[in-house]
Amino acid sequence: MSFMKRFALMVSLALFSPSAFAAGVDSRAYTCDGLHALVVANRFVFINYPSFMDFVVANGSYCSAGEMLGRRSVPTSDNAECLVNYCRKRPSTIN
Protein backbone atom coordinates (compact mmCIF):
# COMPACT_ATOMS: atom_id res chain seq x y z
CA MET A 1 0.00 0.00 0.00
CA SER A 2 1.49 3.36 -0.97
CA PHE A 3 2.09 6.10 1.56
CA MET A 4 -0.74 8.23 0.16
CA LYS A 5 -3.21 5.33 0.25
CA ARG A 6 -2.17 4.47 3.81
CA PHE A 7 -2.42 8.12 4.83
CA ALA A 8 -5.86 8.47 3.21
CA LEU A 9 -7.03 5.31 4.97
CA MET A 10 -5.79 6.56 8.33
CA VAL A 11 -7.38 9.98 7.83
CA SER A 12 -10.72 8.48 6.78
CA LEU A 13 -10.72 6.10 9.74
CA ALA A 14 -9.82 8.98 12.04
CA LEU A 15 -12.79 10.95 10.78
CA PHE A 16 -15.14 8.17 11.81
CA SER A 17 -13.50 7.49 15.17
CA PRO A 18 -14.02 9.50 18.37
CA SER A 19 -12.88 13.11 18.02
CA ALA A 20 -10.12 12.64 20.58
CA PHE A 21 -8.40 10.16 18.28
CA ALA A 22 -8.90 12.35 15.20
CA ALA A 23 -6.91 15.14 16.83
CA GLY A 24 -4.40 12.72 18.28
CA VAL A 25 -3.69 11.68 21.81
CA ASP A 26 -1.24 13.03 24.34
CA SER A 27 0.85 10.03 25.30
CA ARG A 28 1.44 11.56 28.75
CA ALA A 29 -2.25 11.00 29.58
CA TYR A 30 -1.70 7.21 29.50
CA THR A 31 0.49 4.70 31.26
CA CYS A 32 2.85 2.84 28.95
CA ASP A 33 0.70 -0.30 29.16
CA GLY A 34 -2.45 1.80 28.63
CA LEU A 35 -0.98 3.40 25.51
CA HIS A 36 -0.03 -0.01 24.12
CA ALA A 37 -3.57 -1.27 24.79
CA LEU A 38 -5.04 1.78 23.04
CA VAL A 39 -2.86 1.17 19.97
CA VAL A 40 -3.75 -2.53 19.83
CA ALA A 41 -7.47 -1.76 20.21
CA ASN A 42 -7.42 0.90 17.46
CA ARG A 43 -4.65 -0.65 15.29
CA PHE A 44 -2.96 2.77 14.99
CA VAL A 45 -3.10 6.06 16.89
CA PHE A 46 -1.74 9.51 16.13
CA ILE A 47 0.48 10.73 18.98
CA ASN A 48 0.04 14.48 19.33
CA TYR A 49 3.24 15.15 21.27
CA PRO A 50 5.49 17.98 19.98
CA SER A 51 8.65 15.90 19.60
CA PHE A 52 6.79 12.93 18.05
CA MET A 53 3.72 13.96 15.96
CA ASP A 54 3.35 10.66 14.13
CA PHE A 55 1.25 7.51 13.99
CA VAL A 56 2.10 4.54 16.17
CA VAL A 57 0.96 1.18 14.88
CA ALA A 58 0.05 -2.18 16.36
CA ASN A 59 2.33 -4.08 13.99
CA GLY A 60 4.23 -3.95 10.71
CA SER A 61 1.19 -4.82 8.59
CA TYR A 62 0.20 -1.13 8.82
CA CYS A 63 3.41 -0.04 7.08
CA SER A 64 3.51 0.45 3.31
CA ALA A 65 5.83 -1.46 1.00
CA GLY A 66 8.53 1.24 1.21
CA GLU A 67 8.42 1.28 5.00
CA MET A 68 9.46 -0.95 7.83
CA LEU A 69 8.58 -1.19 11.48
CA GLY A 70 10.70 0.93 13.80
CA ARG A 71 10.71 1.67 17.52
CA ARG A 72 10.67 5.10 19.17
CA SER A 73 10.01 6.26 22.66
CA VAL A 74 7.30 8.62 23.85
CA PRO A 75 6.73 9.87 27.38
CA THR A 76 3.82 8.39 29.31
CA SER A 77 2.56 9.07 32.82
CA ASP A 78 4.66 6.24 34.24
CA ASN A 79 7.59 5.99 31.81
CA ALA A 80 9.67 8.77 30.26
CA GLU A 81 10.69 6.44 27.42
CA CYS A 82 7.82 4.11 26.55
CA LEU A 83 8.75 2.23 23.36
CA VAL A 84 6.14 2.19 20.59
CA ASN A 85 6.03 0.89 17.02
CA TYR A 86 5.95 3.27 14.07
CA CYS A 87 6.51 2.99 10.33
CA ARG A 88 9.72 4.42 8.94
CA LYS A 89 11.19 4.52 5.46
CA ARG A 90 13.30 1.57 4.46
CA PRO A 91 16.94 2.49 4.01
CA SER A 92 17.82 2.88 0.35
CA THR A 93 20.28 0.43 -1.08
CA ILE A 94 22.78 1.87 -3.51
CA ASN A 95 24.81 -0.62 -5.48
PDB file of N, CA and C in Angstrom:
ATOM      1  N   MET A   1       0.855  -1.170   0.000  1.00  0.00           N
ATOM      2  CA  MET A   1       0.000   0.000   0.000  1.00  0.00           C
ATOM      3  C   MET A   1       0.903   1.236   0.000  1.00  0.00           C
ATOM      4  N   SER A   2       0.659   2.170  -0.893  1.00  0.00           N
ATOM      5  CA  SER A   2       1.492   3.360  -0.972  1.00  0.00           C
ATOM      6  C   SER A   2       1.252   4.267   0.228  1.00  0.00           C
ATOM      7  N   PHE A   3       2.194   5.165   0.440  1.00  0.00           N
ATOM      8  CA  PHE A   3       2.087   6.097   1.563  1.00  0.00           C
ATOM      9  C   PHE A   3       0.794   6.901   1.478  1.00  0.00           C
ATOM     10  N   MET A   4       0.466   7.404   0.303  1.00  0.00           N
ATOM     11  CA  MET A   4      -0.738   8.232   0.157  1.00  0.00           C
ATOM     12  C   MET A   4      -2.002   7.416   0.440  1.00  0.00           C
ATOM     13  N   LYS A   5      -2.042   6.166  -0.025  1.00  0.00           N
ATOM     14  CA  LYS A   5      -3.207   5.328   0.254  1.00  0.00           C
ATOM     15  C   LYS A   5      -3.314   5.044   1.749  1.00  0.00           C
ATOM     16  N   ARG A   6      -2.171   4.744   2.375  1.00  0.00           N
ATOM     17  CA  ARG A   6      -2.173   4.468   3.812  1.00  0.00           C
ATOM     18  C   ARG A   6      -2.593   5.714   4.582  1.00  0.00           C
ATOM     19  N   PHE A   7      -2.067   6.862   4.170  1.00  0.00           N
ATOM     20  CA  PHE A   7      -2.416   8.116   4.827  1.00  0.00           C
ATOM     21  C   PHE A   7      -3.908   8.409   4.663  1.00  0.00           C
ATOM     22  N   ALA A   8      -4.437   8.229   3.456  1.00  0.00           N
ATOM     23  CA  ALA A   8      -5.864   8.465   3.212  1.00  0.00           C
ATOM     24  C   ALA A   8      -6.721   7.519   4.045  1.00  0.00           C
ATOM     25  N   LEU A   9      -6.294   6.266   4.152  1.00  0.00           N
ATOM     26  CA  LEU A   9      -7.028   5.311   4.972  1.00  0.00           C
ATOM     27  C   LEU A   9      -7.031   5.741   6.434  1.00  0.00           C
ATOM     28  N   MET A  10      -5.875   6.140   6.938  1.00  0.00           N
ATOM     29  CA  MET A  10      -5.788   6.564   8.334  1.00  0.00           C
ATOM     30  C   MET A  10      -6.630   7.811   8.596  1.00  0.00           C
ATOM     31  N   VAL A  11      -6.593   8.754   7.669  1.00  0.00           N
ATOM     32  CA  VAL A  11      -7.384   9.977   7.834  1.00  0.00           C
ATOM     33  C   VAL A  11      -8.876   9.653   7.803  1.00  0.00           C
ATOM     34  N   SER A  12      -9.292   8.813   6.856  1.00  0.00           N
ATOM     35  CA  SER A  12     -10.720   8.483   6.777  1.00  0.00           C
ATOM     36  C   SER A  12     -11.181   7.730   8.015  1.00  0.00           C
ATOM     37  N   LEU A  13     -10.354   6.814   8.511  1.00  0.00           N
ATOM     38  CA  LEU A  13     -10.720   6.102   9.736  1.00  0.00           C
ATOM     39  C   LEU A  13     -10.755   7.057  10.923  1.00  0.00           C
ATOM     40  N   ALA A  14      -9.844   8.010  10.946  1.00  0.00           N
ATOM     41  CA  ALA A  14      -9.815   8.975  12.043  1.00  0.00           C
ATOM     42  C   ALA A  14     -11.066   9.846  12.041  1.00  0.00           C
ATOM     43  N   LEU A  15     -11.584  10.132  10.866  1.00  0.00           N
ATOM     44  CA  LEU A  15     -12.790  10.955  10.780  1.00  0.00           C
ATOM     45  C   LEU A  15     -14.006  10.251  11.353  1.00  0.00           C
ATOM     46  N   PHE A  16     -14.005   8.926  11.306  1.00  0.00           N
ATOM     47  CA  PHE A  16     -15.143   8.166  11.809  1.00  0.00           C
ATOM     48  C   PHE A  16     -14.925   7.611  13.214  1.00  0.00           C
ATOM     49  N   SER A  17     -13.775   7.928  13.806  1.00  0.00           N
ATOM     50  CA  SER A  17     -13.503   7.490  15.171  1.00  0.00           C
ATOM     51  C   SER A  17     -13.802   8.650  16.120  1.00  0.00           C
ATOM     52  N   PRO A  18     -13.761   8.409  17.430  1.00  0.00           N
ATOM     53  CA  PRO A  18     -14.021   9.498  18.370  1.00  0.00           C
ATOM     54  C   PRO A  18     -13.113  10.688  18.105  1.00  0.00           C
ATOM     55  N   SER A  19     -13.620  11.890  18.346  1.00  0.00           N
ATOM     56  CA  SER A  19     -12.881  13.106  18.016  1.00  0.00           C
ATOM     57  C   SER A  19     -11.544  13.196  18.715  1.00  0.00           C
ATOM     58  N   ALA A  20     -11.396  12.598  19.886  1.00  0.00           N
ATOM     59  CA  ALA A  20     -10.116  12.638  20.584  1.00  0.00           C
ATOM     60  C   ALA A  20      -9.032  11.952  19.764  1.00  0.00           C
ATOM     61  N   PHE A  21      -9.385  10.870  19.066  1.00  0.00           N
ATOM     62  CA  PHE A  21      -8.395  10.164  18.277  1.00  0.00           C
ATOM     63  C   PHE A  21      -8.128  10.886  16.962  1.00  0.00           C
ATOM     64  N   ALA A  22      -9.097  11.602  16.442  1.00  0.00           N
ATOM     65  CA  ALA A  22      -8.904  12.346  15.196  1.00  0.00           C
ATOM     66  C   ALA A  22      -7.868  13.437  15.384  1.00  0.00           C
ATOM     67  N   ALA A  23      -7.867  14.079  16.539  1.00  0.00           N
ATOM     68  CA  ALA A  23      -6.908  15.141  16.825  1.00  0.00           C
ATOM     69  C   ALA A  23      -5.596  14.577  17.356  1.00  0.00           C
ATOM     70  N   GLY A  24      -5.582  13.336  17.701  1.00  0.00           N
ATOM     71  CA  GLY A  24      -4.398  12.723  18.275  1.00  0.00           C
ATOM     72  C   GLY A  24      -4.531  12.630  19.782  1.00  0.00           C
ATOM     73  N   VAL A  25      -3.666  11.835  20.371  1.00  0.00           N
ATOM     74  CA  VAL A  25      -3.687  11.682  21.812  1.00  0.00           C
ATOM     75  C   VAL A  25      -2.365  12.162  22.392  1.00  0.00           C
ATOM     76  N   ASP A  26      -2.439  12.650  23.606  1.00  0.00           N
ATOM     77  CA  ASP A  26      -1.238  13.034  24.337  1.00  0.00           C
ATOM     78  C   ASP A  26      -0.770  11.787  25.075  1.00  0.00           C
ATOM     79  N   SER A  27       0.360  11.265  24.708  1.00  0.00           N
ATOM     80  CA  SER A  27       0.854  10.027  25.297  1.00  0.00           C
ATOM     81  C   SER A  27       1.025  10.140  26.809  1.00  0.00           C
ATOM     82  N   ARG A  28       1.234  11.353  27.306  1.00  0.00           N
ATOM     83  CA  ARG A  28       1.435  11.556  28.745  1.00  0.00           C
ATOM     84  C   ARG A  28       0.164  11.343  29.551  1.00  0.00           C
ATOM     85  N   ALA A  29      -0.972  11.246  28.888  1.00  0.00           N
ATOM     86  CA  ALA A  29      -2.245  11.002  29.576  1.00  0.00           C
ATOM     87  C   ALA A  29      -2.461   9.516  29.851  1.00  0.00           C
ATOM     88  N   TYR A  30      -1.572   8.661  29.367  1.00  0.00           N
ATOM     89  CA  TYR A  30      -1.699   7.209  29.500  1.00  0.00           C
ATOM     90  C   TYR A  30      -0.480   6.625  30.190  1.00  0.00           C
ATOM     91  N   THR A  31      -0.662   5.479  30.821  1.00  0.00           N
ATOM     92  CA  THR A  31       0.491   4.705  31.255  1.00  0.00           C
ATOM     93  C   THR A  31       1.060   4.043  30.003  1.00  0.00           C
ATOM     94  N   CYS A  32       2.256   3.510  30.106  1.00  0.00           N
ATOM     95  CA  CYS A  32       2.853   2.840  28.951  1.00  0.00           C
ATOM     96  C   CYS A  32       1.988   1.652  28.525  1.00  0.00           C
ATOM     97  N   ASP A  33       1.563   0.843  29.494  1.00  0.00           N
ATOM     98  CA  ASP A  33       0.697  -0.297  29.164  1.00  0.00           C
ATOM     99  C   ASP A  33      -0.643   0.170  28.591  1.00  0.00           C
ATOM    100  N   GLY A  34      -1.180   1.257  29.125  1.00  0.00           N
ATOM    101  CA  GLY A  34      -2.447   1.798  28.632  1.00  0.00           C
ATOM    102  C   GLY A  34      -2.330   2.298  27.204  1.00  0.00           C
ATOM    103  N   LEU A  35      -1.206   2.928  26.884  1.00  0.00           N
ATOM    104  CA  LEU A  35      -0.978   3.400  25.513  1.00  0.00           C
ATOM    105  C   LEU A  35      -0.862   2.221  24.561  1.00  0.00           C
ATOM    106  N   HIS A  36      -0.136   1.186  24.962  1.00  0.00           N
ATOM    107  CA  HIS A  36      -0.029  -0.013  24.120  1.00  0.00           C
ATOM    108  C   HIS A  36      -1.397  -0.639  23.891  1.00  0.00           C
ATOM    109  N   ALA A  37      -2.218  -0.705  24.927  1.00  0.00           N
ATOM    110  CA  ALA A  37      -3.571  -1.272  24.792  1.00  0.00           C
ATOM    111  C   ALA A  37      -4.419  -0.425  23.848  1.00  0.00           C
ATOM    112  N   LEU A  38      -4.298   0.884  23.928  1.00  0.00           N
ATOM    113  CA  LEU A  38      -5.036   1.785  23.036  1.00  0.00           C
ATOM    114  C   LEU A  38      -4.640   1.544  21.583  1.00  0.00           C
ATOM    115  N   VAL A  39      -3.353   1.404  21.337  1.00  0.00           N
ATOM    116  CA  VAL A  39      -2.858   1.174  19.972  1.00  0.00           C
ATOM    117  C   VAL A  39      -3.355  -0.174  19.450  1.00  0.00           C
ATOM    118  N   VAL A  40      -3.285  -1.208  20.258  1.00  0.00           N
ATOM    119  CA  VAL A  40      -3.753  -2.530  19.831  1.00  0.00           C
ATOM    120  C   VAL A  40      -5.252  -2.486  19.536  1.00  0.00           C
ATOM    121  N   ALA A  41      -6.017  -1.830  20.396  1.00  0.00           N
ATOM    122  CA  ALA A  41      -7.472  -1.761  20.213  1.00  0.00           C
ATOM    123  C   ALA A  41      -7.863  -0.987  18.956  1.00  0.00           C
ATOM    124  N   ASN A  42      -7.085   0.049  18.605  1.00  0.00           N
ATOM    125  CA  ASN A  42      -7.421   0.899  17.462  1.00  0.00           C
ATOM    126  C   ASN A  42      -6.555   0.629  16.232  1.00  0.00           C
ATOM    127  N   ARG A  43      -5.588  -0.257  16.344  1.00  0.00           N
ATOM    128  CA  ARG A  43      -4.650  -0.647  15.286  1.00  0.00           C
ATOM    129  C   ARG A  43      -3.590   0.418  15.017  1.00  0.00           C
ATOM    130  N   PHE A  44      -3.916   1.670  15.110  1.00  0.00           N
ATOM    131  CA  PHE A  44      -2.958   2.768  14.994  1.00  0.00           C
ATOM    132  C   PHE A  44      -3.546   3.992  15.677  1.00  0.00           C
ATOM    133  N   VAL A  45      -2.676   4.850  16.181  1.00  0.00           N
ATOM    134  CA  VAL A  45      -3.101   6.055  16.894  1.00  0.00           C
ATOM    135  C   VAL A  45      -2.110   7.158  16.556  1.00  0.00           C
ATOM    136  N   PHE A  46      -2.619   8.368  16.356  1.00  0.00           N
ATOM    137  CA  PHE A  46      -1.741   9.509  16.134  1.00  0.00           C
ATOM    138  C   PHE A  46      -1.340  10.070  17.491  1.00  0.00           C
ATOM    139  N   ILE A  47      -0.034  10.153  17.746  1.00  0.00           N
ATOM    140  CA  ILE A  47       0.476  10.732  18.981  1.00  0.00           C
ATOM    141  C   ILE A  47       0.712  12.210  18.736  1.00  0.00           C
ATOM    142  N   ASN A  48      -0.023  13.022  19.463  1.00  0.00           N
ATOM    143  CA  ASN A  48       0.044  14.477  19.332  1.00  0.00           C
ATOM    144  C   ASN A  48       0.966  15.028  20.422  1.00  0.00           C
ATOM    145  N   TYR A  49       2.232  14.677  20.333  1.00  0.00           N
ATOM    146  CA  TYR A  49       3.244  15.151  21.273  1.00  0.00           C
ATOM    147  C   TYR A  49       4.280  15.897  20.450  1.00  0.00           C
ATOM    148  N   PRO A  50       4.649  17.136  20.837  1.00  0.00           N
ATOM    149  CA  PRO A  50       5.491  17.984  19.980  1.00  0.00           C
ATOM    150  C   PRO A  50       6.748  17.331  19.401  1.00  0.00           C
ATOM    151  N   SER A  51       7.424  16.498  20.137  1.00  0.00           N
ATOM    152  CA  SER A  51       8.648  15.899  19.598  1.00  0.00           C
ATOM    153  C   SER A  51       8.381  14.576  18.857  1.00  0.00           C
ATOM    154  N   PHE A  52       7.122  14.184  18.741  1.00  0.00           N
ATOM    155  CA  PHE A  52       6.789  12.928  18.053  1.00  0.00           C
ATOM    156  C   PHE A  52       5.912  13.195  16.838  1.00  0.00           C
ATOM    157  N   MET A  53       4.665  13.605  17.039  1.00  0.00           N
ATOM    158  CA  MET A  53       3.722  13.961  15.964  1.00  0.00           C
ATOM    159  C   MET A  53       3.718  12.948  14.817  1.00  0.00           C
ATOM    160  N   ASP A  54       3.360  11.712  15.133  1.00  0.00           N
ATOM    161  CA  ASP A  54       3.350  10.656  14.133  1.00  0.00           C
ATOM    162  C   ASP A  54       2.372   9.570  14.576  1.00  0.00           C
ATOM    163  N   PHE A  55       2.094   8.653  13.671  1.00  0.00           N
ATOM    164  CA  PHE A  55       1.249   7.510  13.988  1.00  0.00           C
ATOM    165  C   PHE A  55       2.088   6.427  14.653  1.00  0.00           C
ATOM    166  N   VAL A  56       1.522   5.773  15.643  1.00  0.00           N
ATOM    167  CA  VAL A  56       2.097   4.542  16.171  1.00  0.00           C
ATOM    168  C   VAL A  56       1.164   3.429  15.715  1.00  0.00           C
ATOM    169  N   VAL A  57       1.735   2.270  15.472  1.00  0.00           N
ATOM    170  CA  VAL A  57       0.961   1.176  14.883  1.00  0.00           C
ATOM    171  C   VAL A  57       1.058  -0.078  15.743  1.00  0.00           C
ATOM    172  N   ALA A  58       0.066  -0.937  15.607  1.00  0.00           N
ATOM    173  CA  ALA A  58       0.045  -2.181  16.365  1.00  0.00           C
ATOM    174  C   ALA A  58       1.113  -3.158  15.860  1.00  0.00           C
ATOM    175  N   ASN A  59       1.332  -3.174  14.544  1.00  0.00           N
ATOM    176  CA  ASN A  59       2.333  -4.085  13.985  1.00  0.00           C
ATOM    177  C   ASN A  59       2.728  -3.625  12.584  1.00  0.00           C
ATOM    178  N   GLY A  60       3.684  -4.333  12.002  1.00  0.00           N
ATOM    179  CA  GLY A  60       4.234  -3.952  10.711  1.00  0.00           C
ATOM    180  C   GLY A  60       3.280  -4.056   9.541  1.00  0.00           C
ATOM    181  N   SER A  61       2.133  -4.714   9.707  1.00  0.00           N
ATOM    182  CA  SER A  61       1.189  -4.819   8.594  1.00  0.00           C
ATOM    183  C   SER A  61       0.568  -3.465   8.242  1.00  0.00           C
ATOM    184  N   TYR A  62       0.722  -2.462   9.090  1.00  0.00           N
ATOM    185  CA  TYR A  62       0.197  -1.127   8.817  1.00  0.00           C
ATOM    186  C   TYR A  62       1.221  -0.245   8.111  1.00  0.00           C
ATOM    187  N   CYS A  63       2.383  -0.783   7.807  1.00  0.00           N
ATOM    188  CA  CYS A  63       3.411  -0.042   7.078  1.00  0.00           C
ATOM    189  C   CYS A  63       3.273  -0.332   5.584  1.00  0.00           C
ATOM    190  N   SER A  64       3.573   0.650   4.757  1.00  0.00           N
ATOM    191  CA  SER A  64       3.509   0.453   3.307  1.00  0.00           C
ATOM    192  C   SER A  64       4.732  -0.325   2.833  1.00  0.00           C
ATOM    193  N   ALA A  65       4.751  -0.643   1.560  1.00  0.00           N
ATOM    194  CA  ALA A  65       5.832  -1.458   1.003  1.00  0.00           C
ATOM    195  C   ALA A  65       7.197  -0.782   1.144  1.00  0.00           C
ATOM    196  N   GLY A  66       7.264   0.522   1.093  1.00  0.00           N
ATOM    197  CA  GLY A  66       8.531   1.241   1.208  1.00  0.00           C
ATOM    198  C   GLY A  66       8.905   1.562   2.641  1.00  0.00           C
ATOM    199  N   GLU A  67       8.166   0.996   3.589  1.00  0.00           N
ATOM    200  CA  GLU A  67       8.418   1.283   5.001  1.00  0.00           C
ATOM    201  C   GLU A  67       8.691  -0.008   5.764  1.00  0.00           C
ATOM    202  N   MET A  68       9.227   0.171   6.936  1.00  0.00           N
ATOM    203  CA  MET A  68       9.465  -0.950   7.830  1.00  0.00           C
ATOM    204  C   MET A  68       9.128  -0.512   9.246  1.00  0.00           C
ATOM    205  N   LEU A  69       8.925  -1.477  10.099  1.00  0.00           N
ATOM    206  CA  LEU A  69       8.581  -1.193  11.485  1.00  0.00           C
ATOM    207  C   LEU A  69       9.815  -0.687  12.221  1.00  0.00           C
ATOM    208  N   GLY A  70       9.634   0.381  12.973  1.00  0.00           N
ATOM    209  CA  GLY A  70      10.699   0.929  13.801  1.00  0.00           C
ATOM    210  C   GLY A  70      10.198   1.092  15.224  1.00  0.00           C
ATOM    211  N   ARG A  71      11.077   1.438  16.118  1.00  0.00           N
ATOM    212  CA  ARG A  71      10.706   1.671  17.515  1.00  0.00           C
ATOM    213  C   ARG A  71      11.191   3.065  17.903  1.00  0.00           C
ATOM    214  N   ARG A  72      10.336   3.779  18.610  1.00  0.00           N
ATOM    215  CA  ARG A  72      10.671   5.095  19.166  1.00  0.00           C
ATOM    216  C   ARG A  72      10.101   5.152  20.565  1.00  0.00           C
ATOM    217  N   SER A  73      10.564   6.105  21.318  1.00  0.00           N
ATOM    218  CA  SER A  73      10.009   6.257  22.658  1.00  0.00           C
ATOM    219  C   SER A  73       9.185   7.530  22.739  1.00  0.00           C
ATOM    220  N   VAL A  74       8.136   7.465  23.531  1.00  0.00           N
ATOM    221  CA  VAL A  74       7.299   8.617  23.845  1.00  0.00           C
ATOM    222  C   VAL A  74       7.119   8.637  25.361  1.00  0.00           C
ATOM    223  N   PRO A  75       6.962   9.824  25.935  1.00  0.00           N
ATOM    224  CA  PRO A  75       6.733   9.874  27.382  1.00  0.00           C
ATOM    225  C   PRO A  75       5.297   9.489  27.726  1.00  0.00           C
ATOM    226  N   THR A  76       5.141   8.721  28.781  1.00  0.00           N
ATOM    227  CA  THR A  76       3.821   8.388  29.314  1.00  0.00           C
ATOM    228  C   THR A  76       3.805   8.779  30.784  1.00  0.00           C
ATOM    229  N   SER A  77       2.674   8.634  31.423  1.00  0.00           N
ATOM    230  CA  SER A  77       2.561   9.069  32.817  1.00  0.00           C
ATOM    231  C   SER A  77       3.457   8.277  33.761  1.00  0.00           C
ATOM    232  N   ASP A  78       3.839   7.059  33.366  1.00  0.00           N
ATOM    233  CA  ASP A  78       4.664   6.238  34.244  1.00  0.00           C
ATOM    234  C   ASP A  78       6.038   5.891  33.681  1.00  0.00           C
ATOM    235  N   ASN A  79       6.333   6.357  32.452  1.00  0.00           N
ATOM    236  CA  ASN A  79       7.593   5.986  31.813  1.00  0.00           C
ATOM    237  C   ASN A  79       8.022   7.103  30.862  1.00  0.00           C
ATOM    238  N   ALA A  80       9.175   7.673  31.117  1.00  0.00           N
ATOM    239  CA  ALA A  80       9.668   8.771  30.263  1.00  0.00           C
ATOM    240  C   ALA A  80      10.058   8.286  28.870  1.00  0.00           C
ATOM    241  N   GLU A  81      10.276   6.983  28.708  1.00  0.00           N
ATOM    242  CA  GLU A  81      10.688   6.439  27.422  1.00  0.00           C
ATOM    243  C   GLU A  81       9.947   5.143  27.109  1.00  0.00           C
ATOM    244  N   CYS A  82       8.656   5.253  26.905  1.00  0.00           N
ATOM    245  CA  CYS A  82       7.816   4.106  26.547  1.00  0.00           C
ATOM    246  C   CYS A  82       8.027   3.798  25.063  1.00  0.00           C
ATOM    247  N   LEU A  83       8.484   2.600  24.751  1.00  0.00           N
ATOM    248  CA  LEU A  83       8.748   2.228  23.360  1.00  0.00           C
ATOM    249  C   LEU A  83       7.461   1.879  22.623  1.00  0.00           C
ATOM    250  N   VAL A  84       7.309   2.447  21.438  1.00  0.00           N
ATOM    251  CA  VAL A  84       6.140   2.194  20.589  1.00  0.00           C
ATOM    252  C   VAL A  84       6.605   1.880  19.175  1.00  0.00           C
ATOM    253  N   ASN A  85       5.751   1.201  18.419  1.00  0.00           N
ATOM    254  CA  ASN A  85       6.029   0.890  17.015  1.00  0.00           C
ATOM    255  C   ASN A  85       5.584   2.041  16.131  1.00  0.00           C
ATOM    256  N   TYR A  86       6.358   2.308  15.097  1.00  0.00           N
ATOM    257  CA  TYR A  86       5.955   3.269  14.074  1.00  0.00           C
ATOM    258  C   TYR A  86       6.532   2.818  12.741  1.00  0.00           C
ATOM    259  N   CYS A  87       6.018   3.346  11.661  1.00  0.00           N
ATOM    260  CA  CYS A  87       6.505   2.989  10.332  1.00  0.00           C
ATOM    261  C   CYS A  87       7.537   4.019   9.887  1.00  0.00           C
ATOM    262  N   ARG A  88       8.671   3.527   9.439  1.00  0.00           N
ATOM    263  CA  ARG A  88       9.717   4.422   8.943  1.00  0.00           C
ATOM    264  C   ARG A  88      10.141   3.963   7.557  1.00  0.00           C
ATOM    265  N   LYS A  89      10.735   4.867   6.805  1.00  0.00           N
ATOM    266  CA  LYS A  89      11.188   4.523   5.461  1.00  0.00           C
ATOM    267  C   LYS A  89      12.273   3.472   5.533  1.00  0.00           C
ATOM    268  N   ARG A  90      12.231   2.566   4.572  1.00  0.00           N
ATOM    269  CA  ARG A  90      13.298   1.572   4.462  1.00  0.00           C
ATOM    270  C   ARG A  90      14.554   2.295   4.000  1.00  0.00           C
ATOM    271  N   PRO A  91      15.713   1.871   4.502  1.00  0.00           N
ATOM    272  CA  PRO A  91      16.943   2.490   4.008  1.00  0.00           C
ATOM    273  C   PRO A  91      17.124   2.165   2.525  1.00  0.00           C
ATOM    274  N   SER A  92      17.596   3.122   1.778  1.00  0.00           N
ATOM    275  CA  SER A  92      17.820   2.880   0.346  1.00  0.00           C
ATOM    276  C   SER A  92      19.107   2.107   0.173  1.00  0.00           C
ATOM    277  N   THR A  93      19.092   1.213  -0.772  1.00  0.00           N
ATOM    278  CA  THR A  93      20.278   0.435  -1.075  1.00  0.00           C
ATOM    279  C   THR A  93      20.864   0.925  -2.378  1.00  0.00           C
ATOM    280  N   ILE A  94      22.080   1.378  -2.311  1.00  0.00           N
ATOM    281  CA  ILE A  94      22.777   1.873  -3.506  1.00  0.00           C
ATOM    282  C   ILE A  94      23.877   0.878  -3.846  1.00  0.00           C
ATOM    283  N   ASN A  95      23.809   0.366  -5.041  1.00  0.00           N
ATOM    284  CA  ASN A  95      24.814  -0.624  -5.475  1.00  0.00           C
ATOM    285  C   ASN A  95      25.858   0.017  -6.308  1.00  0.00           C
TER     286      ASN A  95
END
